[in-house]
Structures are given as structure tokens and as C-alpha cells.
């Protein structure tokens, strides 16, 4: 049931990588009060806040999409499991599932019920 977390961790790593590059530039030139250092700091701040906003927006959109199916969505491929037996294999990706575990895993994400 770890696929949901790995999906959001993968997204988080991409956003983090984009935000970290300007931060490193700021740290390298932190003792310099040059216009370049100020511009790098501004870019780092904008990237960090922007990437956080994008990350949480995507998380919110994903949770709303999953909530439409009463959190009965495959953790691996996001195929809706509504109307399928309580346990079995996902028809889309073939991964085994137990609906109660799937619902609990989705609800444990930030913003869960």
C-alpha cells in the first residue's frame, strides 16, 4: 500500500529539485551583497513557494478525484475500484487490493478525513 506515498514523493522530489538549485546558488554567494545574490535569493524564494503551492494543489486535486469514488481507487494505477469485490486484483494493473486497506491508505494522506 506504499504506492500512493511513492507517487507523491516522486512529485515532491521533482518540485524540490527545481526549488533547491536557486537555494544552493544563494548559499554559495550568501556573504556577497551583490545584485546577483539578491536576484538568486528572490528566484529561490519564488521557486520554493511556487513549488510548494503546486505540490499541495496537485495533492488536493488528486484527493478530490479519489474522493469522488469514495476513496476506492487503486493505489498503483488510480483505477476506480467501485463496484468490484472487497478484495481481489485491479483489472487495470493487476495489483492485489483490499478495499478497506485502500480506503484507509488514501485517507491517511494529508487532508484526509
C-alpha atoms as a PDB file:
ATOM      1  CA  UNK A   1       0.000   0.000   0.000  1.00  0.00           C
ATOM      2  CA  UNK A   2       3.034   2.226  -0.357  1.00  0.00           C
ATOM      3  CA  UNK A   3       2.408   3.289  -3.978  1.00  0.00           C
ATOM      4  CA  UNK A   4       0.367   6.373  -3.063  1.00  0.00           C
ATOM      5  CA  UNK A   5       3.171   7.721  -0.954  1.00  0.00           C
ATOM      6  CA  UNK A   6       5.783   6.939  -3.601  1.00  0.00           C
ATOM      7  CA  UNK A   7       3.669   8.728  -6.223  1.00  0.00           C
ATOM      8  CA  UNK A   8       3.535  11.905  -4.150  1.00  0.00           C
ATOM      9  CA  UNK A   9       7.166  11.527  -3.080  1.00  0.00           C
ATOM     10  CA  UNK A  10       8.171  11.361  -6.748  1.00  0.00           C
ATOM     11  CA  UNK A  11       6.251  14.579  -7.438  1.00  0.00           C
ATOM     12  CA  UNK A  12       7.779  16.132  -4.332  1.00  0.00           C
ATOM     13  CA  UNK A  13      11.320  15.238  -5.473  1.00  0.00           C
ATOM     14  CA  UNK A  14      10.835  16.984  -8.806  1.00  0.00           C
ATOM     15  CA  UNK A  15       9.499  20.137  -7.175  1.00  0.00           C
ATOM     16  CA  UNK A  16      12.205  20.014  -4.532  1.00  0.00           C
ATOM     17  CA  UNK A  17      14.937  19.694  -7.157  1.00  0.00           C
ATOM     18  CA  UNK A  18      13.634  22.738  -9.011  1.00  0.00           C
ATOM     19  CA  UNK A  19      13.479  24.774  -5.794  1.00  0.00           C
ATOM     20  CA  UNK A  20      16.856  23.634  -4.407  1.00  0.00           C
ATOM     21  CA  UNK A  21      19.033  24.830  -7.295  1.00  0.00           C
ATOM     22  CA  UNK A  22      18.421  28.552  -6.643  1.00  0.00           C
ATOM     23  CA  UNK A  23      18.773  27.941  -2.885  1.00  0.00           C
ATOM     24  CA  UNK A  24      22.223  26.441  -3.438  1.00  0.00           C
ATOM     25  CA  UNK A  25      23.164  29.458  -5.515  1.00  0.00           C
ATOM     26  CA  UNK A  26      22.108  31.675  -2.618  1.00  0.00           C
ATOM     27  CA  UNK A  27      24.127  29.660  -0.092  1.00  0.00           C
ATOM     28  CA  UNK A  28      27.214  29.781  -2.271  1.00  0.00           C
ATOM     29  CA  UNK A  29      27.068  33.555  -2.506  1.00  0.00           C
ATOM     30  CA  UNK A  30      25.458  34.318   0.868  1.00  0.00           C
ATOM     31  CA  UNK A  31      28.242  36.614   2.062  1.00  0.00           C
ATOM     32  CA  UNK A  32      28.014  38.676  -1.065  1.00  0.00           C
ATOM     33  CA  UNK A  33      25.608  41.572  -1.194  1.00  0.00           C
ATOM     34  CA  UNK A  34      25.760  41.790  -4.956  1.00  0.00           C
ATOM     35  CA  UNK A  35      22.722  42.251  -7.144  1.00  0.00           C
ATOM     36  CA  UNK A  36      23.261  38.709  -8.439  1.00  0.00           C
ATOM     37  CA  UNK A  37      22.945  37.282  -4.903  1.00  0.00           C
ATOM     38  CA  UNK A  38      19.758  39.274  -4.336  1.00  0.00           C
ATOM     39  CA  UNK A  39      18.303  38.049  -7.633  1.00  0.00           C
ATOM     40  CA  UNK A  40      19.259  34.445  -6.777  1.00  0.00           C
ATOM     41  CA  UNK A  41      17.594  34.788  -3.379  1.00  0.00           C
ATOM     42  CA  UNK A  42      14.434  36.156  -4.998  1.00  0.00           C
ATOM     43  CA  UNK A  43      14.403  33.300  -7.516  1.00  0.00           C
ATOM     44  CA  UNK A  44      14.908  30.760  -4.713  1.00  0.00           C
ATOM     45  CA  UNK A  45      12.066  32.218  -2.661  1.00  0.00           C
ATOM     46  CA  UNK A  46       9.694  32.330  -5.624  1.00  0.00           C
ATOM     47  CA  UNK A  47      10.590  28.785  -6.668  1.00  0.00           C
ATOM     48  CA  UNK A  48      10.238  27.396  -3.157  1.00  0.00           C
ATOM     49  CA  UNK A  49       6.825  28.973  -2.549  1.00  0.00           C
ATOM     50  CA  UNK A  50       5.649  28.218  -6.055  1.00  0.00           C
ATOM     51  CA  UNK A  51       6.682  24.579  -5.913  1.00  0.00           C
ATOM     52  CA  UNK A  52       5.015  24.148  -2.517  1.00  0.00           C
ATOM     53  CA  UNK A  53       1.825  25.673  -3.879  1.00  0.00           C
ATOM     54  CA  UNK A  54       1.895  23.452  -6.971  1.00  0.00           C
ATOM     55  CA  UNK A  55       2.610  20.349  -4.894  1.00  0.00           C
ATOM     56  CA  UNK A  56      -0.280  20.943  -2.496  1.00  0.00           C
ATOM     57  CA  UNK A  57      -2.600  21.941  -5.327  1.00  0.00           C
ATOM     58  CA  UNK A  58      -1.857  18.666  -7.130  1.00  0.00           C
ATOM     59  CA  UNK A  59      -2.374  16.761  -3.887  1.00  0.00           C
ATOM     60  CA  UNK A  60      -5.724  18.495  -3.401  1.00  0.00           C
ATOM     61  CA  UNK A  61      -6.813  17.726  -6.979  1.00  0.00           C
ATOM     62  CA  UNK A  62      -5.813  14.073  -6.607  1.00  0.00           C
ATOM     63  CA  UNK A  63      -7.681  13.766  -3.297  1.00  0.00           C
ATOM     64  CA  UNK A  64     -10.814  15.302  -4.793  1.00  0.00           C
ATOM     65  CA  UNK A  65     -10.659  12.920  -7.730  1.00  0.00           C
ATOM     66  CA  UNK A  66     -10.220   9.965  -5.359  1.00  0.00           C
ATOM     67  CA  UNK A  67     -12.990  11.230  -3.057  1.00  0.00           C
ATOM     68  CA  UNK A  68     -15.429  11.122  -5.996  1.00  0.00           C
ATOM     69  CA  UNK A  69     -15.029   7.356  -5.940  1.00  0.00           C
ATOM     70  CA  UNK A  70     -15.362   7.128  -2.125  1.00  0.00           C
ATOM     71  CA  UNK A  71     -11.588   6.563  -1.849  1.00  0.00           C
ATOM     72  CA  UNK A  72     -11.997   3.212  -3.631  1.00  0.00           C
ATOM     73  CA  UNK A  73      -9.211   3.808  -6.141  1.00  0.00           C
ATOM     74  CA  UNK A  74      -6.231   1.555  -6.903  1.00  0.00           C
ATOM     75  CA  UNK A  75      -3.126   2.761  -5.108  1.00  0.00           C
ATOM     76  CA  UNK A  76      -0.888   1.895  -8.048  1.00  0.00           C
ATOM     77  CA  UNK A  77      -2.710   2.989 -11.204  1.00  0.00           C
ATOM     78  CA  UNK A  78      -5.631   5.041  -9.752  1.00  0.00           C
ATOM     79  CA  UNK A  79      -8.249   2.846 -11.417  1.00  0.00           C
ATOM     80  CA  UNK A  80     -11.660   3.206  -9.687  1.00  0.00           C
ATOM     81  CA  UNK A  81     -12.494   0.053  -7.706  1.00  0.00           C
ATOM     82  CA  UNK A  82     -16.119   0.977  -7.017  1.00  0.00           C
ATOM     83  CA  UNK A  83     -18.443  -1.915  -7.807  1.00  0.00           C
ATOM     84  CA  UNK A  84     -15.671  -4.515  -7.610  1.00  0.00           C
ATOM     85  CA  UNK A  85     -15.396  -7.207  -4.908  1.00  0.00           C
ATOM     86  CA  UNK A  86     -13.970  -6.186  -1.486  1.00  0.00           C
ATOM     87  CA  UNK A  87     -10.662  -7.861  -2.303  1.00  0.00           C
ATOM     88  CA  UNK A  88      -9.055  -9.062  -5.476  1.00  0.00           C
ATOM     89  CA  UNK A  89      -6.822  -7.794  -8.263  1.00  0.00           C
ATOM     90  CA  UNK A  90      -7.088  -4.455 -10.014  1.00  0.00           C
ATOM     91  CA  UNK A  91      -8.414  -5.011 -13.564  1.00  0.00           C
ATOM     92  CA  UNK A  92      -6.128  -2.267 -14.898  1.00  0.00           C
ATOM     93  CA  UNK A  93      -2.710  -3.073 -13.402  1.00  0.00           C
ATOM     94  CA  UNK A  94      -3.230  -6.496 -11.789  1.00  0.00           C
ATOM     95  CA  UNK A  95      -2.058  -5.443  -8.322  1.00  0.00           C
ATOM     96  CA  UNK A  96      -3.861  -7.095  -5.393  1.00  0.00           C
ATOM     97  CA  UNK A  97      -6.086  -4.873  -3.268  1.00  0.00           C
ATOM     98  CA  UNK A  98      -8.284  -4.966  -0.179  1.00  0.00           C
ATOM     99  CA  UNK A  99     -10.806  -2.129  -0.311  1.00  0.00           C
ATOM    100  CA  UNK A 100     -10.641  -1.327   3.400  1.00  0.00           C
ATOM    101  CA  UNK A 101      -6.853  -1.010   3.221  1.00  0.00           C
ATOM    102  CA  UNK A 102      -7.070   1.096   0.065  1.00  0.00           C
ATOM    103  CA  UNK A 103      -9.587   3.485   1.621  1.00  0.00           C
ATOM    104  CA  UNK A 104      -7.544   3.794   4.829  1.00  0.00           C
ATOM    105  CA  UNK A 105      -4.341   4.472   2.884  1.00  0.00           C
ATOM    106  CA  UNK A 106      -5.954   7.241   0.827  1.00  0.00           C
ATOM    107  CA  UNK A 107      -7.439   8.819   3.950  1.00  0.00           C
ATOM    108  CA  UNK A 108      -4.048   8.856   5.686  1.00  0.00           C
ATOM    109  CA  UNK A 109      -2.688  11.319   3.151  1.00  0.00           C
ATOM    110  CA  UNK A 110      -2.605  14.992   4.164  1.00  0.00           C
ATOM    111  CA  UNK A 111      -6.106  16.449   4.150  1.00  0.00           C
ATOM    112  CA  UNK A 112      -7.718  13.055   4.748  1.00  0.00           C
ATOM    113  CA  UNK A 113     -10.913  12.619   6.643  1.00  0.00           C
END
